[in-house]
Amino acid sequence: MSVYGSTRNKAEYPAGLGASTQAPLNMYSVPAGQAYVAATEPTATDDYFPSSGAVVIGSKKMYTIQYDHRVALVYADDVTATQAVHHWKD
């Protein structure tokens, strides 16, 4: 599974607004079976253009995870989300 610093789908942008060209962070990947912490529910990809005030909301959702002491993004469709389980008594 790919790890992203940010991502945009070029097809979702209206004419005149260019999508980010940032590629996946290929030096990182999430091997099958590993687990990472996502503090919130997945959110839609989006982009803001300060010059026009336009906001483009994407159709895919991403989790923000803590990955190798960094903040990274993974597509919600690429992962299986589970609830954290406490292994100690309160």
N, C-alpha and C. Protein backbone atom coordinates (compact mmCIF):
# COMPACT_ATOMS: atom_id res chain seq x y z
N MET A 1 0.85 -1.16 0.00
CA MET A 1 0.00 0.00 0.00
C MET A 1 0.90 1.23 0.00
N SER A 2 0.51 2.23 -0.76
CA SER A 2 1.28 3.46 -0.85
C SER A 2 0.99 4.40 0.31
N VAL A 3 1.97 5.19 0.65
CA VAL A 3 1.86 6.22 1.68
C VAL A 3 2.02 7.56 0.98
N TYR A 4 1.20 8.54 1.36
CA TYR A 4 1.20 9.85 0.71
C TYR A 4 1.47 10.96 1.71
N GLY A 5 2.10 12.04 1.24
CA GLY A 5 2.22 13.25 2.04
C GLY A 5 0.99 14.11 1.80
N SER A 6 0.48 14.07 0.58
CA SER A 6 -0.81 14.66 0.19
C SER A 6 -1.14 14.04 -1.15
N THR A 7 -2.38 14.15 -1.57
CA THR A 7 -2.75 13.56 -2.85
C THR A 7 -3.95 14.27 -3.44
N ARG A 8 -4.06 14.26 -4.73
CA ARG A 8 -5.17 14.87 -5.45
C ARG A 8 -5.45 14.06 -6.71
N ASN A 9 -6.71 13.95 -7.09
CA ASN A 9 -7.10 13.29 -8.32
C ASN A 9 -7.33 14.36 -9.37
N LYS A 10 -6.50 14.42 -10.39
CA LYS A 10 -6.56 15.48 -11.40
C LYS A 10 -7.92 15.60 -12.06
N ALA A 11 -8.63 14.49 -12.23
CA ALA A 11 -9.93 14.52 -12.92
C ALA A 11 -11.00 15.27 -12.13
N GLU A 12 -10.79 15.48 -10.84
CA GLU A 12 -11.80 16.13 -10.01
C GLU A 12 -11.69 17.65 -10.01
N TYR A 13 -10.70 18.19 -10.67
CA TYR A 13 -10.49 19.64 -10.67
C TYR A 13 -11.23 20.32 -11.81
N PRO A 14 -11.89 21.44 -11.53
CA PRO A 14 -12.54 22.19 -12.60
C PRO A 14 -11.50 22.86 -13.50
N ALA A 15 -11.91 23.24 -14.68
CA ALA A 15 -11.01 23.91 -15.62
C ALA A 15 -10.39 25.13 -14.96
N GLY A 16 -9.11 25.32 -15.17
CA GLY A 16 -8.42 26.48 -14.63
C GLY A 16 -7.77 26.26 -13.28
N LEU A 17 -8.08 25.16 -12.62
CA LEU A 17 -7.46 24.86 -11.33
C LEU A 17 -6.63 23.60 -11.49
N GLY A 18 -5.32 23.74 -11.33
CA GLY A 18 -4.42 22.61 -11.52
C GLY A 18 -4.26 21.77 -10.27
N ALA A 19 -4.25 20.48 -10.46
CA ALA A 19 -4.09 19.55 -9.34
C ALA A 19 -2.63 19.46 -8.93
N SER A 20 -2.40 19.11 -7.68
CA SER A 20 -1.06 18.86 -7.19
C SER A 20 -0.45 17.71 -7.98
N THR A 21 0.83 17.78 -8.21
CA THR A 21 1.50 16.70 -8.93
C THR A 21 2.32 15.84 -7.99
N GLN A 22 2.07 15.95 -6.68
CA GLN A 22 2.84 15.18 -5.72
C GLN A 22 2.53 13.69 -5.88
N ALA A 23 3.57 12.90 -5.99
CA ALA A 23 3.45 11.45 -6.15
C ALA A 23 3.48 10.78 -4.78
N PRO A 24 3.13 9.49 -4.73
CA PRO A 24 3.25 8.76 -3.47
C PRO A 24 4.68 8.86 -2.95
N LEU A 25 4.83 8.77 -1.64
CA LEU A 25 6.15 8.76 -1.03
C LEU A 25 6.70 7.34 -1.17
N ASN A 26 7.31 7.06 -2.32
CA ASN A 26 7.70 5.69 -2.67
C ASN A 26 8.73 5.08 -1.74
N MET A 27 9.41 5.90 -0.96
CA MET A 27 10.39 5.33 -0.04
C MET A 27 9.73 4.68 1.17
N TYR A 28 8.39 4.87 1.31
CA TYR A 28 7.64 4.29 2.41
C TYR A 28 6.53 3.40 1.86
N SER A 29 6.24 2.35 2.59
CA SER A 29 5.08 1.52 2.27
C SER A 29 4.61 0.87 3.56
N VAL A 30 3.39 0.41 3.54
CA VAL A 30 2.82 -0.27 4.70
C VAL A 30 2.72 -1.75 4.36
N PRO A 31 3.58 -2.57 4.95
CA PRO A 31 3.51 -4.00 4.68
C PRO A 31 2.21 -4.61 5.21
N ALA A 32 1.73 -5.63 4.55
CA ALA A 32 0.51 -6.31 4.98
C ALA A 32 0.63 -6.78 6.41
N GLY A 33 -0.44 -6.62 7.18
CA GLY A 33 -0.47 -7.09 8.54
C GLY A 33 -0.02 -6.08 9.59
N GLN A 34 0.57 -4.97 9.17
CA GLN A 34 1.00 -3.97 10.14
C GLN A 34 -0.15 -3.05 10.50
N ALA A 35 -0.09 -2.45 11.69
CA ALA A 35 -1.14 -1.56 12.15
C ALA A 35 -0.54 -0.20 12.51
N TYR A 36 -1.29 0.84 12.22
CA TYR A 36 -0.87 2.20 12.52
C TYR A 36 -2.05 2.94 13.13
N VAL A 37 -1.78 3.99 13.86
CA VAL A 37 -2.82 4.74 14.56
C VAL A 37 -3.37 5.85 13.68
N ALA A 38 -4.70 5.88 13.56
CA ALA A 38 -5.41 6.99 12.93
C ALA A 38 -6.29 7.58 14.03
N ALA A 39 -6.10 8.85 14.33
CA ALA A 39 -6.80 9.47 15.45
C ALA A 39 -8.24 9.87 15.11
N THR A 40 -8.56 9.97 13.82
CA THR A 40 -9.90 10.40 13.41
C THR A 40 -10.43 9.51 12.30
N GLU A 41 -11.70 9.69 11.99
CA GLU A 41 -12.32 8.98 10.87
C GLU A 41 -11.69 9.49 9.56
N PRO A 42 -11.78 8.71 8.47
CA PRO A 42 -11.22 9.18 7.21
C PRO A 42 -11.99 10.40 6.70
N THR A 43 -11.28 11.30 6.05
CA THR A 43 -11.89 12.50 5.50
C THR A 43 -11.64 12.59 4.01
N ALA A 44 -12.50 13.34 3.34
CA ALA A 44 -12.36 13.51 1.89
C ALA A 44 -11.09 14.29 1.57
N THR A 45 -10.47 13.92 0.48
CA THR A 45 -9.33 14.69 0.01
C THR A 45 -9.84 16.07 -0.42
N ASP A 46 -9.05 17.08 -0.18
CA ASP A 46 -9.46 18.42 -0.59
C ASP A 46 -8.25 19.27 -0.92
N ASP A 47 -8.49 20.38 -1.55
CA ASP A 47 -7.43 21.30 -1.92
C ASP A 47 -7.99 22.72 -1.88
N TYR A 48 -7.19 23.66 -1.43
CA TYR A 48 -7.61 25.05 -1.30
C TYR A 48 -6.71 25.92 -2.16
N PHE A 49 -7.33 26.85 -2.88
CA PHE A 49 -6.61 27.78 -3.74
C PHE A 49 -6.77 29.19 -3.17
N PRO A 50 -5.76 29.71 -2.44
CA PRO A 50 -5.89 31.01 -1.80
C PRO A 50 -6.13 32.15 -2.77
N SER A 51 -5.61 32.06 -3.98
CA SER A 51 -5.77 33.15 -4.94
C SER A 51 -7.23 33.38 -5.33
N SER A 52 -8.03 32.32 -5.36
CA SER A 52 -9.43 32.46 -5.77
C SER A 52 -10.41 32.11 -4.64
N GLY A 53 -9.91 31.51 -3.57
CA GLY A 53 -10.78 31.07 -2.49
C GLY A 53 -11.51 29.78 -2.81
N ALA A 54 -11.18 29.14 -3.92
CA ALA A 54 -11.85 27.90 -4.34
C ALA A 54 -11.38 26.73 -3.48
N VAL A 55 -12.32 25.83 -3.17
CA VAL A 55 -12.02 24.59 -2.47
C VAL A 55 -12.51 23.44 -3.34
N VAL A 56 -11.66 22.48 -3.60
CA VAL A 56 -12.03 21.30 -4.37
C VAL A 56 -12.09 20.13 -3.41
N ILE A 57 -13.25 19.48 -3.32
CA ILE A 57 -13.44 18.31 -2.46
C ILE A 57 -13.38 17.06 -3.32
N GLY A 58 -12.51 16.14 -2.98
CA GLY A 58 -12.34 14.92 -3.75
C GLY A 58 -13.36 13.86 -3.37
N SER A 59 -13.42 12.82 -4.18
CA SER A 59 -14.39 11.74 -3.95
C SER A 59 -13.84 10.63 -3.06
N LYS A 60 -12.52 10.53 -2.93
CA LYS A 60 -11.92 9.49 -2.10
C LYS A 60 -11.68 10.02 -0.69
N LYS A 61 -11.62 9.08 0.27
CA LYS A 61 -11.34 9.44 1.65
C LYS A 61 -9.99 8.85 2.08
N MET A 62 -9.34 9.58 2.99
CA MET A 62 -8.03 9.15 3.47
C MET A 62 -7.98 9.22 4.99
N TYR A 63 -7.22 8.29 5.55
CA TYR A 63 -6.89 8.35 6.97
C TYR A 63 -5.56 9.10 7.11
N THR A 64 -5.46 9.90 8.13
CA THR A 64 -4.17 10.48 8.52
C THR A 64 -3.63 9.56 9.61
N ILE A 65 -2.44 9.04 9.39
CA ILE A 65 -1.85 8.08 10.33
C ILE A 65 -0.52 8.61 10.86
N GLN A 66 -0.11 8.05 11.99
CA GLN A 66 1.23 8.26 12.51
C GLN A 66 2.09 7.15 11.93
N TYR A 67 3.08 7.51 11.13
CA TYR A 67 3.89 6.52 10.42
C TYR A 67 5.36 6.87 10.60
N ASP A 68 6.09 6.01 11.27
CA ASP A 68 7.54 6.19 11.43
C ASP A 68 7.88 7.60 11.93
N HIS A 69 7.18 8.05 12.96
CA HIS A 69 7.37 9.39 13.56
C HIS A 69 7.02 10.52 12.60
N ARG A 70 6.17 10.24 11.63
CA ARG A 70 5.72 11.23 10.66
C ARG A 70 4.20 11.16 10.54
N VAL A 71 3.63 12.19 9.98
CA VAL A 71 2.20 12.18 9.65
C VAL A 71 2.10 11.82 8.18
N ALA A 72 1.27 10.84 7.85
CA ALA A 72 1.13 10.39 6.47
C ALA A 72 -0.35 10.14 6.18
N LEU A 73 -0.67 9.98 4.90
CA LEU A 73 -2.03 9.72 4.46
C LEU A 73 -2.09 8.38 3.74
N VAL A 74 -3.17 7.63 3.99
CA VAL A 74 -3.43 6.38 3.27
C VAL A 74 -4.89 6.37 2.85
N TYR A 75 -5.17 5.83 1.69
CA TYR A 75 -6.56 5.76 1.22
C TYR A 75 -7.36 4.81 2.10
N ALA A 76 -8.54 5.23 2.50
CA ALA A 76 -9.41 4.43 3.36
C ALA A 76 -9.75 3.09 2.69
N ASP A 77 -9.90 3.09 1.38
CA ASP A 77 -10.23 1.86 0.65
C ASP A 77 -9.09 0.84 0.65
N ASP A 78 -7.86 1.29 0.99
CA ASP A 78 -6.70 0.40 0.97
C ASP A 78 -6.42 -0.26 2.31
N VAL A 79 -7.17 0.11 3.35
CA VAL A 79 -6.87 -0.41 4.68
C VAL A 79 -8.11 -1.02 5.32
N THR A 80 -7.90 -1.79 6.36
CA THR A 80 -8.99 -2.32 7.19
C THR A 80 -8.88 -1.62 8.53
N ALA A 81 -9.89 -0.84 8.86
CA ALA A 81 -9.87 -0.10 10.13
C ALA A 81 -10.52 -0.94 11.22
N THR A 82 -9.89 -0.95 12.38
CA THR A 82 -10.43 -1.65 13.54
C THR A 82 -10.35 -0.73 14.75
N GLN A 83 -11.17 -1.00 15.75
CA GLN A 83 -11.13 -0.22 16.98
C GLN A 83 -9.93 -0.68 17.82
N ALA A 84 -9.32 0.25 18.50
CA ALA A 84 -8.22 -0.09 19.41
C ALA A 84 -8.77 -0.88 20.59
N VAL A 85 -8.00 -1.84 21.04
CA VAL A 85 -8.41 -2.67 22.15
C VAL A 85 -7.45 -2.42 23.30
N HIS A 86 -8.00 -2.14 24.49
CA HIS A 86 -7.15 -1.98 25.67
C HIS A 86 -6.77 -3.36 26.19
N HIS A 87 -5.51 -3.53 26.47
CA HIS A 87 -5.03 -4.80 26.99
C HIS A 87 -4.66 -4.69 28.46
N TRP A 88 -5.31 -3.77 29.14
CA TRP A 88 -5.08 -3.59 30.57
C TRP A 88 -6.39 -3.21 31.23
N LYS A 89 -6.41 -3.34 32.53
CA LYS A 89 -7.63 -2.98 33.27
C LYS A 89 -7.59 -1.50 33.63
N ASP A 90 -8.76 -0.86 33.57
CA ASP A 90 -8.84 0.56 33.93
C ASP A 90 -8.77 0.73 35.43
